[in-house]
Amino acid sequence: MNILFKKLNSDALIPHYAHPGDAGLDVFTCESKIVQPGERYAFSTGVSMEIPPGYVALVWDRSSRALQHGLKTMAGVIDSGYRGEVKVVLLNTSHTAVEISAGEKIAQMLIQSVEHAHVKEVNELSETARGTGGFGSTGN
């Protein structure tokens, strides 16, 4: 399978796998910013992409940045029909400002197949042992 990337900014870095067998492509920003505690920001990657129909790109945290700096990715679904710039929304969940530099890895991207479901409205759903038990219904 080919995932096509187009540079929209000459300084952009094309996402790539750091090691053979990695699940996620490293995603880089092409801008610098200090993200304040509690702040959300959509970082420019300077690239657009083409994903084959039947697939999706999912943007996830970099584990090291999540652990060390409290950075959390948000809004991480890129559909196969989207051709605009890929942006990565980061939320600083820590109590300190985090500096992000142009060219830095800010997220990882997984390419996964998508099953399209048939949606059907019904009056009743089948019963299960769990039923309507939600948050905490299975213990801590």
N, C-alpha and C. Protein backbone atom coordinates (compact mmCIF):
# COMPACT_ATOMS: atom_id res chain seq x y z
N MET A 1 0.86 -1.17 0.00
CA MET A 1 0.00 0.00 0.00
C MET A 1 0.89 1.23 0.00
N ASN A 2 0.50 2.23 -0.77
CA ASN A 2 1.22 3.49 -0.81
C ASN A 2 0.39 4.57 -0.14
N ILE A 3 1.04 5.34 0.73
CA ILE A 3 0.46 6.55 1.30
C ILE A 3 1.23 7.69 0.67
N LEU A 4 0.53 8.58 -0.01
CA LEU A 4 1.18 9.67 -0.73
C LEU A 4 1.18 10.93 0.12
N PHE A 5 2.33 11.60 0.19
CA PHE A 5 2.46 12.85 0.92
C PHE A 5 2.92 13.94 -0.03
N LYS A 6 2.37 15.13 0.16
CA LYS A 6 2.74 16.30 -0.63
C LYS A 6 3.22 17.38 0.34
N LYS A 7 4.41 17.93 0.06
CA LYS A 7 4.91 19.03 0.87
C LYS A 7 4.18 20.31 0.50
N LEU A 8 3.64 20.99 1.50
CA LEU A 8 3.00 22.28 1.32
C LEU A 8 3.93 23.40 1.79
N ASN A 9 4.97 23.01 2.49
CA ASN A 9 5.96 23.92 3.04
C ASN A 9 7.33 23.30 2.76
N SER A 10 8.25 24.06 2.20
CA SER A 10 9.55 23.50 1.82
C SER A 10 10.33 22.98 3.03
N ASP A 11 10.05 23.47 4.23
CA ASP A 11 10.74 23.01 5.44
C ASP A 11 10.08 21.79 6.08
N ALA A 12 8.98 21.35 5.54
CA ALA A 12 8.25 20.22 6.12
C ALA A 12 9.05 18.93 6.01
N LEU A 13 8.83 18.06 6.97
CA LEU A 13 9.41 16.72 6.95
C LEU A 13 8.29 15.72 6.69
N ILE A 14 8.51 14.82 5.75
CA ILE A 14 7.51 13.80 5.42
C ILE A 14 7.46 12.78 6.56
N PRO A 15 6.27 12.44 7.06
CA PRO A 15 6.18 11.41 8.09
C PRO A 15 6.85 10.12 7.62
N HIS A 16 7.51 9.44 8.56
CA HIS A 16 8.18 8.19 8.21
C HIS A 16 8.33 7.31 9.45
N TYR A 17 8.58 6.03 9.20
CA TYR A 17 8.81 5.08 10.27
C TYR A 17 10.26 5.22 10.74
N ALA A 18 10.46 5.31 12.06
CA ALA A 18 11.81 5.44 12.61
C ALA A 18 12.55 4.11 12.57
N HIS A 19 11.83 3.01 12.77
CA HIS A 19 12.45 1.68 12.84
C HIS A 19 11.62 0.67 12.07
N PRO A 20 12.25 -0.34 11.48
CA PRO A 20 11.48 -1.40 10.83
C PRO A 20 10.52 -2.04 11.84
N GLY A 21 9.30 -2.27 11.42
CA GLY A 21 8.31 -2.90 12.29
C GLY A 21 7.53 -1.93 13.16
N ASP A 22 7.89 -0.63 13.16
CA ASP A 22 7.12 0.35 13.93
C ASP A 22 5.69 0.41 13.41
N ALA A 23 4.73 0.58 14.31
CA ALA A 23 3.33 0.71 13.93
C ALA A 23 3.01 2.11 13.45
N GLY A 24 3.67 3.10 14.04
CA GLY A 24 3.34 4.50 13.76
C GLY A 24 4.42 5.22 12.99
N LEU A 25 3.96 6.05 12.06
CA LEU A 25 4.86 6.98 11.35
C LEU A 25 5.12 8.17 12.26
N ASP A 26 6.35 8.61 12.38
CA ASP A 26 6.63 9.83 13.12
C ASP A 26 6.11 11.03 12.33
N VAL A 27 5.44 11.96 13.04
CA VAL A 27 4.87 13.16 12.43
C VAL A 27 5.59 14.36 13.03
N PHE A 28 5.98 15.31 12.17
CA PHE A 28 6.79 16.44 12.57
C PHE A 28 6.03 17.76 12.36
N THR A 29 6.35 18.75 13.17
CA THR A 29 5.78 20.08 12.97
C THR A 29 6.77 20.94 12.20
N CYS A 30 6.25 21.93 11.50
CA CYS A 30 7.12 22.87 10.80
C CYS A 30 7.02 24.27 11.41
N GLU A 31 6.55 24.33 12.66
CA GLU A 31 6.49 25.62 13.35
C GLU A 31 6.92 25.46 14.80
N SER A 32 7.35 26.56 15.39
CA SER A 32 7.76 26.59 16.79
C SER A 32 6.71 27.32 17.61
N LYS A 33 6.52 26.83 18.84
CA LYS A 33 5.54 27.46 19.73
C LYS A 33 5.77 26.97 21.14
N ILE A 34 5.49 27.85 22.10
CA ILE A 34 5.45 27.46 23.50
C ILE A 34 3.97 27.24 23.85
N VAL A 35 3.65 26.01 24.27
CA VAL A 35 2.28 25.66 24.61
C VAL A 35 2.13 25.81 26.12
N GLN A 36 1.25 26.70 26.51
CA GLN A 36 1.04 27.00 27.92
C GLN A 36 0.21 25.89 28.59
N PRO A 37 0.30 25.77 29.93
CA PRO A 37 -0.51 24.78 30.64
C PRO A 37 -2.00 24.94 30.30
N GLY A 38 -2.64 23.84 29.96
CA GLY A 38 -4.07 23.86 29.63
C GLY A 38 -4.38 24.34 28.22
N GLU A 39 -3.37 24.75 27.47
CA GLU A 39 -3.60 25.29 26.12
C GLU A 39 -3.67 24.16 25.09
N ARG A 40 -4.56 24.35 24.10
CA ARG A 40 -4.66 23.50 22.90
C ARG A 40 -4.12 24.30 21.73
N TYR A 41 -3.42 23.61 20.83
CA TYR A 41 -2.91 24.30 19.65
C TYR A 41 -2.84 23.32 18.49
N ALA A 42 -3.24 23.77 17.29
CA ALA A 42 -3.17 22.95 16.08
C ALA A 42 -1.86 23.25 15.36
N PHE A 43 -0.92 22.33 15.47
CA PHE A 43 0.39 22.50 14.85
C PHE A 43 0.35 22.14 13.37
N SER A 44 0.98 22.97 12.57
CA SER A 44 1.11 22.73 11.14
C SER A 44 2.19 21.67 10.91
N THR A 45 1.89 20.73 10.01
CA THR A 45 2.91 19.75 9.61
C THR A 45 3.52 20.11 8.27
N GLY A 46 2.83 20.98 7.52
CA GLY A 46 3.34 21.37 6.21
C GLY A 46 3.17 20.31 5.14
N VAL A 47 2.35 19.29 5.40
CA VAL A 47 2.11 18.24 4.42
C VAL A 47 0.62 17.96 4.29
N SER A 48 0.23 17.49 3.13
CA SER A 48 -1.09 16.90 2.92
C SER A 48 -0.84 15.46 2.48
N MET A 49 -1.90 14.65 2.49
CA MET A 49 -1.69 13.24 2.19
C MET A 49 -2.87 12.63 1.45
N GLU A 50 -2.60 11.50 0.82
CA GLU A 50 -3.64 10.73 0.14
C GLU A 50 -3.60 9.30 0.67
N ILE A 51 -4.71 8.92 1.30
CA ILE A 51 -4.87 7.59 1.87
C ILE A 51 -5.83 6.83 0.97
N PRO A 52 -5.56 5.56 0.66
CA PRO A 52 -6.48 4.81 -0.19
C PRO A 52 -7.86 4.68 0.47
N PRO A 53 -8.93 4.63 -0.33
CA PRO A 53 -10.26 4.38 0.23
C PRO A 53 -10.24 3.08 1.03
N GLY A 54 -10.99 3.07 2.13
CA GLY A 54 -11.03 1.90 2.99
C GLY A 54 -10.01 1.95 4.12
N TYR A 55 -9.25 3.06 4.18
CA TYR A 55 -8.25 3.24 5.23
C TYR A 55 -8.42 4.59 5.89
N VAL A 56 -7.82 4.74 7.07
CA VAL A 56 -7.85 5.98 7.82
C VAL A 56 -6.47 6.17 8.46
N ALA A 57 -6.08 7.41 8.66
CA ALA A 57 -4.88 7.72 9.44
C ALA A 57 -5.34 8.17 10.82
N LEU A 58 -4.80 7.56 11.86
CA LEU A 58 -5.13 7.91 13.23
C LEU A 58 -3.90 8.53 13.88
N VAL A 59 -4.07 9.72 14.44
CA VAL A 59 -2.95 10.44 15.06
C VAL A 59 -2.99 10.19 16.56
N TRP A 60 -1.84 9.75 17.09
CA TRP A 60 -1.72 9.36 18.50
C TRP A 60 -0.57 10.11 19.16
N ASP A 61 -0.59 10.08 20.49
CA ASP A 61 0.48 10.69 21.28
C ASP A 61 1.82 10.02 21.00
N ARG A 62 2.87 10.78 21.18
CA ARG A 62 4.21 10.21 21.33
C ARG A 62 4.33 9.88 22.81
N SER A 63 4.61 8.66 23.13
CA SER A 63 4.61 8.25 24.54
C SER A 63 5.61 9.05 25.37
N SER A 64 6.77 9.36 24.82
CA SER A 64 7.76 10.10 25.60
C SER A 64 7.28 11.51 25.91
N ARG A 65 6.65 12.18 24.96
CA ARG A 65 6.15 13.54 25.20
C ARG A 65 4.94 13.52 26.15
N ALA A 66 4.14 12.49 26.06
CA ALA A 66 2.99 12.37 26.97
C ALA A 66 3.49 12.18 28.41
N LEU A 67 4.46 11.31 28.59
CA LEU A 67 4.97 11.03 29.93
C LEU A 67 5.78 12.20 30.49
N GLN A 68 6.70 12.73 29.69
CA GLN A 68 7.61 13.76 30.19
C GLN A 68 7.00 15.15 30.26
N HIS A 69 6.07 15.45 29.34
CA HIS A 69 5.56 16.82 29.24
C HIS A 69 4.05 16.94 29.29
N GLY A 70 3.33 15.83 29.39
CA GLY A 70 1.87 15.90 29.49
C GLY A 70 1.18 16.32 28.21
N LEU A 71 1.82 16.09 27.04
CA LEU A 71 1.19 16.48 25.77
C LEU A 71 0.27 15.37 25.28
N LYS A 72 -0.96 15.73 24.96
CA LYS A 72 -2.00 14.80 24.52
C LYS A 72 -2.51 15.23 23.15
N THR A 73 -2.60 14.29 22.21
CA THR A 73 -3.16 14.60 20.89
C THR A 73 -4.67 14.60 20.97
N MET A 74 -5.29 15.39 20.10
CA MET A 74 -6.74 15.48 20.03
C MET A 74 -7.13 15.52 18.55
N ALA A 75 -8.40 15.21 18.27
CA ALA A 75 -8.94 15.32 16.90
C ALA A 75 -8.08 14.56 15.90
N GLY A 76 -7.82 13.29 16.17
CA GLY A 76 -6.84 12.54 15.41
C GLY A 76 -7.32 11.61 14.33
N VAL A 77 -8.39 11.93 13.62
CA VAL A 77 -8.87 11.08 12.52
C VAL A 77 -8.71 11.81 11.20
N ILE A 78 -7.97 11.19 10.27
CA ILE A 78 -7.80 11.76 8.94
C ILE A 78 -8.42 10.79 7.94
N ASP A 79 -9.53 11.20 7.34
CA ASP A 79 -10.26 10.35 6.40
C ASP A 79 -9.57 10.28 5.04
N SER A 80 -9.87 9.21 4.30
CA SER A 80 -9.23 8.99 3.00
C SER A 80 -9.60 10.06 1.98
N GLY A 81 -10.72 10.74 2.14
CA GLY A 81 -11.11 11.77 1.18
C GLY A 81 -10.52 13.14 1.46
N TYR A 82 -9.83 13.32 2.59
CA TYR A 82 -9.29 14.64 2.97
C TYR A 82 -7.98 14.90 2.26
N ARG A 83 -7.84 16.08 1.67
CA ARG A 83 -6.62 16.45 0.95
C ARG A 83 -5.99 17.73 1.48
N GLY A 84 -6.50 18.26 2.59
CA GLY A 84 -5.93 19.48 3.15
C GLY A 84 -4.70 19.19 3.99
N GLU A 85 -4.16 20.26 4.57
CA GLU A 85 -2.97 20.10 5.40
C GLU A 85 -3.28 19.26 6.63
N VAL A 86 -2.37 18.36 6.96
CA VAL A 86 -2.47 17.58 8.18
C VAL A 86 -2.01 18.48 9.32
N LYS A 87 -2.88 18.66 10.31
CA LYS A 87 -2.51 19.42 11.50
C LYS A 87 -2.65 18.48 12.70
N VAL A 88 -1.83 18.73 13.70
CA VAL A 88 -1.86 17.92 14.91
C VAL A 88 -2.24 18.82 16.07
N VAL A 89 -3.38 18.52 16.69
CA VAL A 89 -3.84 19.29 17.83
C VAL A 89 -3.21 18.68 19.08
N LEU A 90 -2.46 19.51 19.81
CA LEU A 90 -1.86 19.07 21.07
C LEU A 90 -2.46 19.86 22.22
N LEU A 91 -2.70 19.16 23.32
CA LEU A 91 -3.17 19.76 24.57
C LEU A 91 -2.08 19.57 25.61
N ASN A 92 -1.69 20.66 26.25
CA ASN A 92 -0.71 20.59 27.34
C ASN A 92 -1.48 20.34 28.63
N THR A 93 -1.42 19.11 29.12
CA THR A 93 -2.13 18.75 30.34
C THR A 93 -1.30 19.00 31.60
N SER A 94 -0.07 19.47 31.43
CA SER A 94 0.82 19.68 32.58
C SER A 94 0.60 21.06 33.21
N HIS A 95 1.38 21.34 34.23
CA HIS A 95 1.31 22.62 34.92
C HIS A 95 2.45 23.55 34.50
N THR A 96 3.21 23.14 33.48
CA THR A 96 4.32 23.97 33.00
C THR A 96 4.23 24.14 31.49
N ALA A 97 4.78 25.24 31.00
CA ALA A 97 4.82 25.50 29.56
C ALA A 97 5.75 24.49 28.89
N VAL A 98 5.41 24.11 27.64
CA VAL A 98 6.21 23.16 26.88
C VAL A 98 6.61 23.82 25.57
N GLU A 99 7.92 23.82 25.30
CA GLU A 99 8.42 24.41 24.06
C GLU A 99 8.50 23.35 22.97
N ILE A 100 7.90 23.66 21.83
CA ILE A 100 7.94 22.78 20.65
C ILE A 100 8.70 23.54 19.57
N SER A 101 9.65 22.87 18.93
CA SER A 101 10.47 23.51 17.90
C SER A 101 10.14 22.95 16.53
N ALA A 102 10.27 23.78 15.51
CA ALA A 102 10.08 23.33 14.13
C ALA A 102 11.01 22.15 13.86
N GLY A 103 10.48 21.15 13.17
CA GLY A 103 11.25 19.95 12.86
C GLY A 103 11.16 18.87 13.91
N GLU A 104 10.46 19.15 15.00
CA GLU A 104 10.35 18.20 16.11
C GLU A 104 9.23 17.18 15.86
N LYS A 105 9.46 15.94 16.31
CA LYS A 105 8.41 14.91 16.27
C LYS A 105 7.36 15.29 17.30
N ILE A 106 6.09 15.35 16.88
CA ILE A 106 5.04 15.75 17.81
C ILE A 106 3.94 14.70 17.97
N ALA A 107 3.92 13.70 17.11
CA ALA A 107 2.87 12.68 17.17
C ALA A 107 3.30 11.47 16.37
N GLN A 108 2.48 10.45 16.42
CA GLN A 108 2.67 9.30 15.54
C GLN A 108 1.35 8.99 14.85
N MET A 109 1.46 8.48 13.64
CA MET A 109 0.28 8.24 12.80
C MET A 109 0.21 6.76 12.44
N LEU A 110 -0.93 6.16 12.73
CA LEU A 110 -1.18 4.77 12.35
C LEU A 110 -2.14 4.73 11.17
N ILE A 111 -1.86 3.89 10.21
CA ILE A 111 -2.74 3.69 9.06
C ILE A 111 -3.49 2.39 9.31
N GLN A 112 -4.83 2.46 9.32
CA GLN A 112 -5.63 1.28 9.62
C GLN A 112 -6.78 1.15 8.64
N SER A 113 -7.19 -0.09 8.41
CA SER A 113 -8.35 -0.32 7.55
C SER A 113 -9.61 0.04 8.33
N VAL A 114 -10.64 0.38 7.59
CA VAL A 114 -11.90 0.81 8.17
C VAL A 114 -13.02 -0.09 7.65
N GLU A 115 -13.83 -0.59 8.57
CA GLU A 115 -15.02 -1.36 8.21
C GLU A 115 -16.21 -0.40 8.20
N HIS A 116 -16.93 -0.35 7.11
CA HIS A 116 -18.11 0.52 7.06
C HIS A 116 -19.34 -0.28 7.46
N ALA A 117 -19.99 0.18 8.50
CA ALA A 117 -21.15 -0.51 9.06
C ALA A 117 -22.43 -0.02 8.41
N HIS A 118 -23.42 -0.89 8.38
CA HIS A 118 -24.76 -0.50 7.96
C HIS A 118 -25.50 -0.02 9.20
N VAL A 119 -25.98 1.20 9.17
CA VAL A 119 -26.66 1.80 10.31
C VAL A 119 -28.15 1.55 10.18
N LYS A 120 -28.75 1.05 11.26
CA LYS A 120 -30.17 0.73 11.23
C LYS A 120 -30.79 1.16 12.55
N GLU A 121 -31.86 1.93 12.50
CA GLU A 121 -32.58 2.32 13.71
C GLU A 121 -33.55 1.21 14.09
N VAL A 122 -33.59 0.88 15.40
CA VAL A 122 -34.50 -0.14 15.91
C VAL A 122 -35.20 0.40 17.15
N ASN A 123 -36.27 -0.26 17.57
CA ASN A 123 -36.98 0.13 18.79
C ASN A 123 -36.38 -0.50 20.04
N GLU A 124 -35.74 -1.65 19.91
CA GLU A 124 -35.16 -2.36 21.05
C GLU A 124 -33.81 -2.94 20.65
N LEU A 125 -32.94 -3.11 21.66
CA LEU A 125 -31.66 -3.77 21.47
C LEU A 125 -31.66 -5.08 22.23
N SER A 126 -30.81 -6.03 21.84
CA SER A 126 -30.75 -7.31 22.55
C SER A 126 -30.21 -7.09 23.96
N GLU A 127 -30.57 -8.00 24.86
CA GLU A 127 -30.15 -7.89 26.25
C GLU A 127 -28.81 -8.60 26.43
N THR A 128 -28.00 -8.09 27.37
CA THR A 128 -26.71 -8.69 27.70
C THR A 128 -26.58 -8.75 29.22
N ALA A 129 -25.59 -9.50 29.71
CA ALA A 129 -25.36 -9.57 31.15
C ALA A 129 -25.00 -8.20 31.72
N ARG A 130 -24.29 -7.40 30.98
CA ARG A 130 -23.90 -6.07 31.45
C ARG A 130 -25.04 -5.08 31.38
N GLY A 131 -25.87 -5.20 30.38
CA GLY A 131 -27.00 -4.30 30.23
C GLY A 131 -26.56 -2.86 30.02
N THR A 132 -27.12 -1.96 30.80
CA THR A 132 -26.81 -0.53 30.64
C THR A 132 -25.72 -0.06 31.59
N GLY A 133 -25.05 -0.99 32.27
CA GLY A 133 -23.99 -0.60 33.21
C GLY A 133 -22.87 0.13 32.48
N GLY A 134 -22.56 1.31 32.96
CA GLY A 134 -21.55 2.15 32.30
C GLY A 134 -20.29 2.29 33.12
N PHE A 135 -19.86 3.52 33.31
CA PHE A 135 -18.62 3.82 34.02
C PHE A 135 -18.59 3.16 35.39
N GLY A 136 -17.55 2.36 35.62
CA GLY A 136 -17.39 1.71 36.92
C GLY A 136 -18.21 0.44 37.09
N SER A 137 -18.92 0.01 36.06
CA SER A 137 -19.80 -1.14 36.24
C SER A 137 -19.04 -2.46 36.41
N THR A 138 -17.76 -2.47 36.04
CA THR A 138 -16.97 -3.69 36.19
C THR A 138 -15.97 -3.57 37.33
N GLY A 139 -16.12 -2.58 38.17
CA GLY A 139 -15.19 -2.36 39.29
C GLY A 139 -14.18 -1.28 38.91
N ASN A 140 -13.15 -1.15 39.74
CA ASN A 140 -12.14 -0.11 39.50
C ASN A 140 -11.26 -0.40 38.36
